[in-house]
Amino acid sequence: MITWYKRCLETYPYFSRMMTAGCILSSFDLMNQTFVEKREKYDVKKIGINFSVGFAAAPWLFIWFTKLQPKIIQATIGKPATPTLIDPVTKKVNFKQLFVKITTDYVVCFPMMQILYHSGFNLLYNQNVQSIKSAFQTKVDYSLKNYYQVWPLLCTLNHLFIPPYLRAPFANLSATSWNNYVNYVFPKIQNKQKTKKDQSKINATVFQALSF
């Protein structure tokens, strides 16, 4: 199976990764509808759009890991990027490259993944620009402010232990898992914020009443 997949990646580098990304996003949405939302009737349109967005956005990760990030590494540390960060002889970790990869993945790669996913999904599913703006003000904003909690660990695992040809799928799995987490937790966060605002209004009203 692994040999067949590697052959597909070599023969069809873009199409294979696009199919992989599409399957990852649609599978996660299917699981979300089954185990989190517990739908009796599946939203097939949503599953199909997730596949389409993953399929269309996949070239970004391939270009990032194989072309853009290596150029940034070379420009930053003055040496070409190596395929693996653990020296096969000395077993030492190249911490300079690892630091640059973790930083650039978080500052450049992840934000672009968020832009591509939320723009594409909301444009196709909700079919209006307002939903894209709303997603950027809520879920994207929350993700960019909080993804640091898991990204360093996931990025370190990806660059140290995952084979180069599987790094894009692993990054896709990581980001998709995070997006599903945000979809699950964000309504609860909004409810808490609304409760705090309502309580503040009540306190202000009581204070004004007592003042008179």
C-alpha atoms as a PDB file:
ATOM      1  CA  MET A   1       0.000   0.000   0.000  1.00  0.00           C
ATOM      2  CA  ILE A   2       2.756   2.443   0.964  1.00  0.00           C
ATOM      3  CA  THR A   3       4.783   1.522  -2.127  1.00  0.00           C
ATOM      4  CA  TRP A   4       1.721   2.070  -4.333  1.00  0.00           C
ATOM      5  CA  TYR A   5       1.035   5.452  -2.732  1.00  0.00           C
ATOM      6  CA  LYS A   6       4.658   6.568  -3.155  1.00  0.00           C
ATOM      7  CA  ARG A   7       4.497   5.543  -6.807  1.00  0.00           C
ATOM      8  CA  CYS A   8       1.324   7.595  -7.245  1.00  0.00           C
ATOM      9  CA  LEU A   9       2.995  10.621  -5.638  1.00  0.00           C
ATOM     10  CA  GLU A  10       5.967  10.302  -7.994  1.00  0.00           C
ATOM     11  CA  THR A  11       3.845   9.751 -11.106  1.00  0.00           C
ATOM     12  CA  TYR A  12       1.064  12.238 -10.312  1.00  0.00           C
ATOM     13  CA  PRO A  13       2.542  14.587  -7.687  1.00  0.00           C
ATOM     14  CA  TYR A  14      -0.269  17.134  -7.713  1.00  0.00           C
ATOM     15  CA  PHE A  15      -3.304  14.965  -8.438  1.00  0.00           C
ATOM     16  CA  SER A  16      -2.368  12.363  -5.799  1.00  0.00           C
ATOM     17  CA  ARG A  17      -1.973  15.020  -3.113  1.00  0.00           C
ATOM     18  CA  MET A  18      -5.178  16.742  -4.186  1.00  0.00           C
ATOM     19  CA  MET A  19      -7.128  13.492  -3.902  1.00  0.00           C
ATOM     20  CA  THR A  20      -5.536  12.792  -0.516  1.00  0.00           C
ATOM     21  CA  ALA A  21      -6.448  16.229   0.839  1.00  0.00           C
ATOM     22  CA  GLY A  22      -9.990  15.963  -0.512  1.00  0.00           C
ATOM     23  CA  CYS A  23     -10.468  12.580   1.156  1.00  0.00           C
ATOM     24  CA  ILE A  24      -9.066  13.862   4.464  1.00  0.00           C
ATOM     25  CA  LEU A  25     -11.413  16.864   4.650  1.00  0.00           C
ATOM     26  CA  SER A  26     -14.516  14.980   3.534  1.00  0.00           C
ATOM     27  CA  SER A  27     -13.777  12.042   5.877  1.00  0.00           C
ATOM     28  CA  PHE A  28     -13.369  14.349   8.859  1.00  0.00           C
ATOM     29  CA  ASP A  29     -16.615  16.110   8.023  1.00  0.00           C
ATOM     30  CA  LEU A  30     -18.368  12.748   7.743  1.00  0.00           C
ATOM     31  CA  MET A  31     -17.040  11.743  11.173  1.00  0.00           C
ATOM     32  CA  ASN A  32     -18.048  15.119  12.602  1.00  0.00           C
ATOM     33  CA  GLN A  33     -21.603  14.720  11.321  1.00  0.00           C
ATOM     34  CA  THR A  34     -21.740  11.159  12.660  1.00  0.00           C
ATOM     35  CA  PHE A  35     -20.198  11.438  16.120  1.00  0.00           C
ATOM     36  CA  VAL A  36     -20.409  15.145  17.066  1.00  0.00           C
ATOM     37  CA  GLU A  37     -23.503  16.506  15.342  1.00  0.00           C
ATOM     38  CA  LYS A  38     -25.136  13.046  15.389  1.00  0.00           C
ATOM     39  CA  ARG A  39     -27.182  13.759  12.291  1.00  0.00           C
ATOM     40  CA  GLU A  40     -29.904  11.381  11.270  1.00  0.00           C
ATOM     41  CA  LYS A  41     -29.550  12.585   7.692  1.00  0.00           C
ATOM     42  CA  TYR A  42     -26.116  13.455   6.328  1.00  0.00           C
ATOM     43  CA  ASP A  43     -25.431  16.819   4.729  1.00  0.00           C
ATOM     44  CA  VAL A  44     -24.018  15.383   1.504  1.00  0.00           C
ATOM     45  CA  LYS A  45     -23.505  18.838   0.027  1.00  0.00           C
ATOM     46  CA  LYS A  46     -21.238  19.798   2.949  1.00  0.00           C
ATOM     47  CA  ILE A  47     -19.209  16.600   2.606  1.00  0.00           C
ATOM     48  CA  GLY A  48     -18.805  17.158  -1.130  1.00  0.00           C
ATOM     49  CA  ILE A  49     -17.758  20.786  -0.681  1.00  0.00           C
ATOM     50  CA  ASN A  50     -15.164  19.790   1.925  1.00  0.00           C
ATOM     51  CA  PHE A  51     -13.746  17.333  -0.588  1.00  0.00           C
ATOM     52  CA  SER A  52     -13.692  20.038  -3.287  1.00  0.00           C
ATOM     53  CA  VAL A  53     -11.993  22.587  -1.024  1.00  0.00           C
ATOM     54  CA  GLY A  54      -9.370  20.078   0.090  1.00  0.00           C
ATOM     55  CA  PHE A  55      -8.795  19.005  -3.505  1.00  0.00           C
ATOM     56  CA  ALA A  56      -8.381  22.579  -4.748  1.00  0.00           C
ATOM     57  CA  ALA A  57      -6.229  23.822  -1.852  1.00  0.00           C
ATOM     58  CA  ALA A  58      -3.806  20.858  -1.739  1.00  0.00           C
ATOM     59  CA  PRO A  59      -1.204  22.290  -4.167  1.00  0.00           C
ATOM     60  CA  TRP A  60      -0.404  24.969  -1.588  1.00  0.00           C
ATOM     61  CA  LEU A  61       1.075  22.445   0.855  1.00  0.00           C
ATOM     62  CA  PHE A  62       3.046  20.683  -1.875  1.00  0.00           C
ATOM     63  CA  ILE A  63       4.506  23.982  -3.098  1.00  0.00           C
ATOM     64  CA  TRP A  64       5.188  25.112   0.472  1.00  0.00           C
ATOM     65  CA  PHE A  65       7.073  22.021   1.626  1.00  0.00           C
ATOM     66  CA  THR A  66       9.000  21.374  -1.602  1.00  0.00           C
ATOM     67  CA  LYS A  67       9.715  24.863  -2.945  1.00  0.00           C
ATOM     68  CA  LEU A  68       8.946  27.877  -0.747  1.00  0.00           C
ATOM     69  CA  GLN A  69      10.037  26.697   2.692  1.00  0.00           C
ATOM     70  CA  PRO A  70      13.415  25.304   1.489  1.00  0.00           C
ATOM     71  CA  LYS A  71      14.164  28.694  -0.109  1.00  0.00           C
ATOM     72  CA  ILE A  72      13.294  30.495   3.120  1.00  0.00           C
ATOM     73  CA  ILE A  73      15.531  28.131   5.097  1.00  0.00           C
ATOM     74  CA  GLN A  74      18.464  28.684   2.749  1.00  0.00           C
ATOM     75  CA  ALA A  75      17.987  32.459   2.892  1.00  0.00           C
ATOM     76  CA  THR A  76      17.731  32.387   6.692  1.00  0.00           C
ATOM     77  CA  ILE A  77      20.564  30.087   7.761  1.00  0.00           C
ATOM     78  CA  GLY A  78      22.693  30.265   4.625  1.00  0.00           C
ATOM     79  CA  LYS A  79      22.600  26.532   3.953  1.00  0.00           C
ATOM     80  CA  PRO A  80      20.353  24.363   1.747  1.00  0.00           C
ATOM     81  CA  ALA A  81      17.476  22.622   3.503  1.00  0.00           C
ATOM     82  CA  THR A  82      18.027  18.926   4.182  1.00  0.00           C
ATOM     83  CA  PRO A  83      15.267  16.314   3.637  1.00  0.00           C
ATOM     84  CA  THR A  84      15.618  15.051   7.212  1.00  0.00           C
ATOM     85  CA  LEU A  85      16.578  16.978  10.337  1.00  0.00           C
ATOM     86  CA  ILE A  86      18.198  14.062  12.159  1.00  0.00           C
ATOM     87  CA  ASP A  87      21.698  13.245  10.957  1.00  0.00           C
ATOM     88  CA  PRO A  88      21.772   9.504  10.059  1.00  0.00           C
ATOM     89  CA  VAL A  89      25.341   9.145  11.355  1.00  0.00           C
ATOM     90  CA  THR A  90      25.569  11.351  14.450  1.00  0.00           C
ATOM     91  CA  LYS A  91      21.816  11.207  15.245  1.00  0.00           C
ATOM     92  CA  LYS A  92      21.973  14.906  16.094  1.00  0.00           C
ATOM     93  CA  VAL A  93      19.008  17.165  15.401  1.00  0.00           C
ATOM     94  CA  ASN A  94      19.480  20.220  13.210  1.00  0.00           C
ATOM     95  CA  PHE A  95      17.797  22.648  15.593  1.00  0.00           C
ATOM     96  CA  LYS A  96      18.378  25.710  13.383  1.00  0.00           C
ATOM     97  CA  GLN A  97      16.376  24.236  10.537  1.00  0.00           C
ATOM     98  CA  LEU A  98      13.776  22.889  12.936  1.00  0.00           C
ATOM     99  CA  PHE A  99      13.264  26.330  14.478  1.00  0.00           C
ATOM    100  CA  VAL A 100      12.903  27.978  11.070  1.00  0.00           C
ATOM    101  CA  LYS A 101      10.445  25.299   9.929  1.00  0.00           C
ATOM    102  CA  ILE A 102       8.293  25.566  13.057  1.00  0.00           C
ATOM    103  CA  THR A 103       8.246  29.373  12.832  1.00  0.00           C
ATOM    104  CA  THR A 104       7.529  29.645   9.121  1.00  0.00           C
ATOM    105  CA  ASP A 105       4.922  26.885   9.254  1.00  0.00           C
ATOM    106  CA  TYR A 106       3.067  28.855  11.923  1.00  0.00           C
ATOM    107  CA  VAL A 107       3.539  32.328  10.461  1.00  0.00           C
ATOM    108  CA  VAL A 108       3.043  31.518   6.765  1.00  0.00           C
ATOM    109  CA  CYS A 109       1.743  28.017   6.100  1.00  0.00           C
ATOM    110  CA  PHE A 110      -1.036  27.706   8.674  1.00  0.00           C
ATOM    111  CA  PRO A 111      -2.580  31.167   8.048  1.00  0.00           C
ATOM    112  CA  MET A 112      -2.666  30.433   4.317  1.00  0.00           C
ATOM    113  CA  MET A 113      -4.380  27.091   4.995  1.00  0.00           C
ATOM    114  CA  GLN A 114      -6.988  28.922   7.080  1.00  0.00           C
ATOM    115  CA  ILE A 115      -7.578  31.489   4.338  1.00  0.00           C
ATOM    116  CA  LEU A 116      -7.923  28.869   1.623  1.00  0.00           C
ATOM    117  CA  TYR A 117     -10.246  26.615   3.622  1.00  0.00           C
ATOM    118  CA  HIS A 118     -12.634  29.175   5.114  1.00  0.00           C
ATOM    119  CA  SER A 119     -12.797  31.262   1.940  1.00  0.00           C
ATOM    120  CA  GLY A 120     -13.425  28.258  -0.285  1.00  0.00           C
ATOM    121  CA  PHE A 121     -15.872  26.501   2.029  1.00  0.00           C
ATOM    122  CA  ASN A 122     -18.029  29.523   2.823  1.00  0.00           C
ATOM    123  CA  LEU A 123     -18.071  30.695  -0.769  1.00  0.00           C
ATOM    124  CA  LEU A 124     -19.263  27.296  -2.018  1.00  0.00           C
ATOM    125  CA  TYR A 125     -21.499  26.278   0.898  1.00  0.00           C
ATOM    126  CA  ASN A 126     -23.054  29.560   2.035  1.00  0.00           C
ATOM    127  CA  GLN A 127     -22.556  31.302  -1.323  1.00  0.00           C
ATOM    128  CA  ASN A 128     -22.023  34.776   0.093  1.00  0.00           C
ATOM    129  CA  VAL A 129     -19.114  36.996   1.018  1.00  0.00           C
ATOM    130  CA  GLN A 130     -20.574  37.905   4.419  1.00  0.00           C
ATOM    131  CA  SER A 131     -20.098  34.341   5.685  1.00  0.00           C
ATOM    132  CA  ILE A 132     -16.407  34.540   4.721  1.00  0.00           C
ATOM    133  CA  LYS A 133     -16.050  37.812   6.628  1.00  0.00           C
ATOM    134  CA  SER A 134     -17.827  36.300   9.635  1.00  0.00           C
ATOM    135  CA  ALA A 135     -15.546  33.220   9.565  1.00  0.00           C
ATOM    136  CA  PHE A 136     -12.446  35.424   9.497  1.00  0.00           C
ATOM    137  CA  GLN A 137     -13.696  37.518  12.425  1.00  0.00           C
ATOM    138  CA  THR A 138     -14.512  34.462  14.531  1.00  0.00           C
ATOM    139  CA  LYS A 139     -13.004  31.064  13.734  1.00  0.00           C
ATOM    140  CA  VAL A 140      -9.931  32.218  11.804  1.00  0.00           C
ATOM    141  CA  ASP A 141      -9.160  34.861  14.426  1.00  0.00           C
ATOM    142  CA  TYR A 142      -9.520  32.280  17.211  1.00  0.00           C
ATOM    143  CA  SER A 143      -7.335  29.761  15.360  1.00  0.00           C
ATOM    144  CA  LEU A 144      -4.513  32.201  14.677  1.00  0.00           C
ATOM    145  CA  LYS A 145      -4.487  33.267  18.327  1.00  0.00           C
ATOM    146  CA  ASN A 146      -4.656  29.756  19.827  1.00  0.00           C
ATOM    147  CA  TYR A 147      -3.052  27.269  17.427  1.00  0.00           C
ATOM    148  CA  TYR A 148       0.316  27.881  19.068  1.00  0.00           C
ATOM    149  CA  GLN A 149      -0.880  25.523  21.823  1.00  0.00           C
ATOM    150  CA  VAL A 150      -0.544  22.466  19.579  1.00  0.00           C
ATOM    151  CA  TRP A 151       1.414  23.587  16.516  1.00  0.00           C
ATOM    152  CA  PRO A 152       5.004  23.376  17.898  1.00  0.00           C
ATOM    153  CA  LEU A 153       4.484  19.754  18.972  1.00  0.00           C
ATOM    154  CA  LEU A 154       2.739  18.710  15.738  1.00  0.00           C
ATOM    155  CA  CYS A 155       5.267  20.537  13.597  1.00  0.00           C
ATOM    156  CA  THR A 156       8.200  18.976  15.445  1.00  0.00           C
ATOM    157  CA  LEU A 157       6.738  15.497  14.992  1.00  0.00           C
ATOM    158  CA  ASN A 158       6.106  16.210  11.316  1.00  0.00           C
ATOM    159  CA  HIS A 159       9.612  17.382  10.490  1.00  0.00           C
ATOM    160  CA  LEU A 160      11.521  14.946  12.691  1.00  0.00           C
ATOM    161  CA  PHE A 161       9.661  11.665  12.317  1.00  0.00           C
ATOM    162  CA  ILE A 162       7.343  11.836   9.307  1.00  0.00           C
ATOM    163  CA  PRO A 163       8.832  10.899   5.896  1.00  0.00           C
ATOM    164  CA  PRO A 164       9.029  13.879   3.500  1.00  0.00           C
ATOM    165  CA  TYR A 165       6.385  12.476   1.148  1.00  0.00           C
ATOM    166  CA  LEU A 166       3.870  12.267   4.028  1.00  0.00           C
ATOM    167  CA  ARG A 167       4.484  15.699   5.554  1.00  0.00           C
ATOM    168  CA  ALA A 168       1.816  17.475   3.526  1.00  0.00           C
ATOM    169  CA  PRO A 169      -0.882  14.894   4.439  1.00  0.00           C
ATOM    170  CA  PHE A 170       0.192  15.040   8.097  1.00  0.00           C
ATOM    171  CA  ALA A 171      -0.036  18.847   8.083  1.00  0.00           C
ATOM    172  CA  ASN A 172      -3.441  18.542   6.443  1.00  0.00           C
ATOM    173  CA  LEU A 173      -4.584  16.068   9.090  1.00  0.00           C
ATOM    174  CA  SER A 174      -3.333  18.376  11.846  1.00  0.00           C
ATOM    175  CA  ALA A 175      -5.026  21.498  10.474  1.00  0.00           C
ATOM    176  CA  THR A 176      -8.269  19.648   9.696  1.00  0.00           C
ATOM    177  CA  SER A 177      -8.356  18.177  13.205  1.00  0.00           C
ATOM    178  CA  TRP A 178      -7.892  21.669  14.602  1.00  0.00           C
ATOM    179  CA  ASN A 179     -10.654  23.118  12.401  1.00  0.00           C
ATOM    180  CA  ASN A 180     -13.055  20.424  13.598  1.00  0.00           C
ATOM    181  CA  TYR A 181     -12.072  21.173  17.187  1.00  0.00           C
ATOM    182  CA  VAL A 182     -12.792  24.865  16.628  1.00  0.00           C
ATOM    183  CA  ASN A 183     -16.154  24.046  15.024  1.00  0.00           C
ATOM    184  CA  TYR A 184     -17.012  22.028  18.138  1.00  0.00           C
ATOM    185  CA  VAL A 185     -15.745  24.388  20.828  1.00  0.00           C
ATOM    186  CA  PHE A 186     -16.459  27.793  19.300  1.00  0.00           C
ATOM    187  CA  PRO A 187     -20.255  27.823  19.884  1.00  0.00           C
ATOM    188  CA  LYS A 188     -19.560  27.166  23.587  1.00  0.00           C
ATOM    189  CA  ILE A 189     -17.076  30.046  23.678  1.00  0.00           C
ATOM    190  CA  GLN A 190     -19.590  32.376  22.029  1.00  0.00           C
ATOM    191  CA  ASN A 191     -22.266  31.345  24.553  1.00  0.00           C
ATOM    192  CA  LYS A 192     -19.906  32.093  27.444  1.00  0.00           C
ATOM    193  CA  GLN A 193     -19.071  35.498  25.967  1.00  0.00           C
ATOM    194  CA  LYS A 194     -22.768  36.259  25.478  1.00  0.00           C
ATOM    195  CA  THR A 195     -23.514  35.238  29.078  1.00  0.00           C
ATOM    196  CA  LYS A 196     -20.761  37.550  30.360  1.00  0.00           C
ATOM    197  CA  LYS A 197     -22.101  40.455  28.285  1.00  0.00           C
ATOM    198  CA  ASP A 198     -25.654  39.842  29.505  1.00  0.00           C
ATOM    199  CA  GLN A 199     -24.440  39.664  33.100  1.00  0.00           C
ATOM    200  CA  SER A 200     -22.507  42.924  32.644  1.00  0.00           C
ATOM    201  CA  LYS A 201     -25.647  44.612  31.334  1.00  0.00           C
ATOM    202  CA  ILE A 202     -27.657  43.332  34.295  1.00  0.00           C
ATOM    203  CA  ASN A 203     -25.007  44.550  36.758  1.00  0.00           C
ATOM    204  CA  ALA A 204     -24.924  47.953  35.075  1.00  0.00           C
ATOM    205  CA  THR A 205     -28.724  48.216  35.235  1.00  0.00           C
ATOM    206  CA  VAL A 206     -28.772  47.252  38.909  1.00  0.00           C
ATOM    207  CA  PHE A 207     -26.012  49.741  39.682  1.00  0.00           C
ATOM    208  CA  GLN A 208     -27.911  52.550  37.925  1.00  0.00           C
ATOM    209  CA  ALA A 209     -31.102  51.642  39.776  1.00  0.00           C
ATOM    210  CA  LEU A 210     -29.336  51.675  43.145  1.00  0.00           C
ATOM    211  CA  SER A 211     -27.704  54.986  42.318  1.00  0.00           C
ATOM    212  CA  PHE A 212     -31.114  56.649  42.150  1.00  0.00           C
END
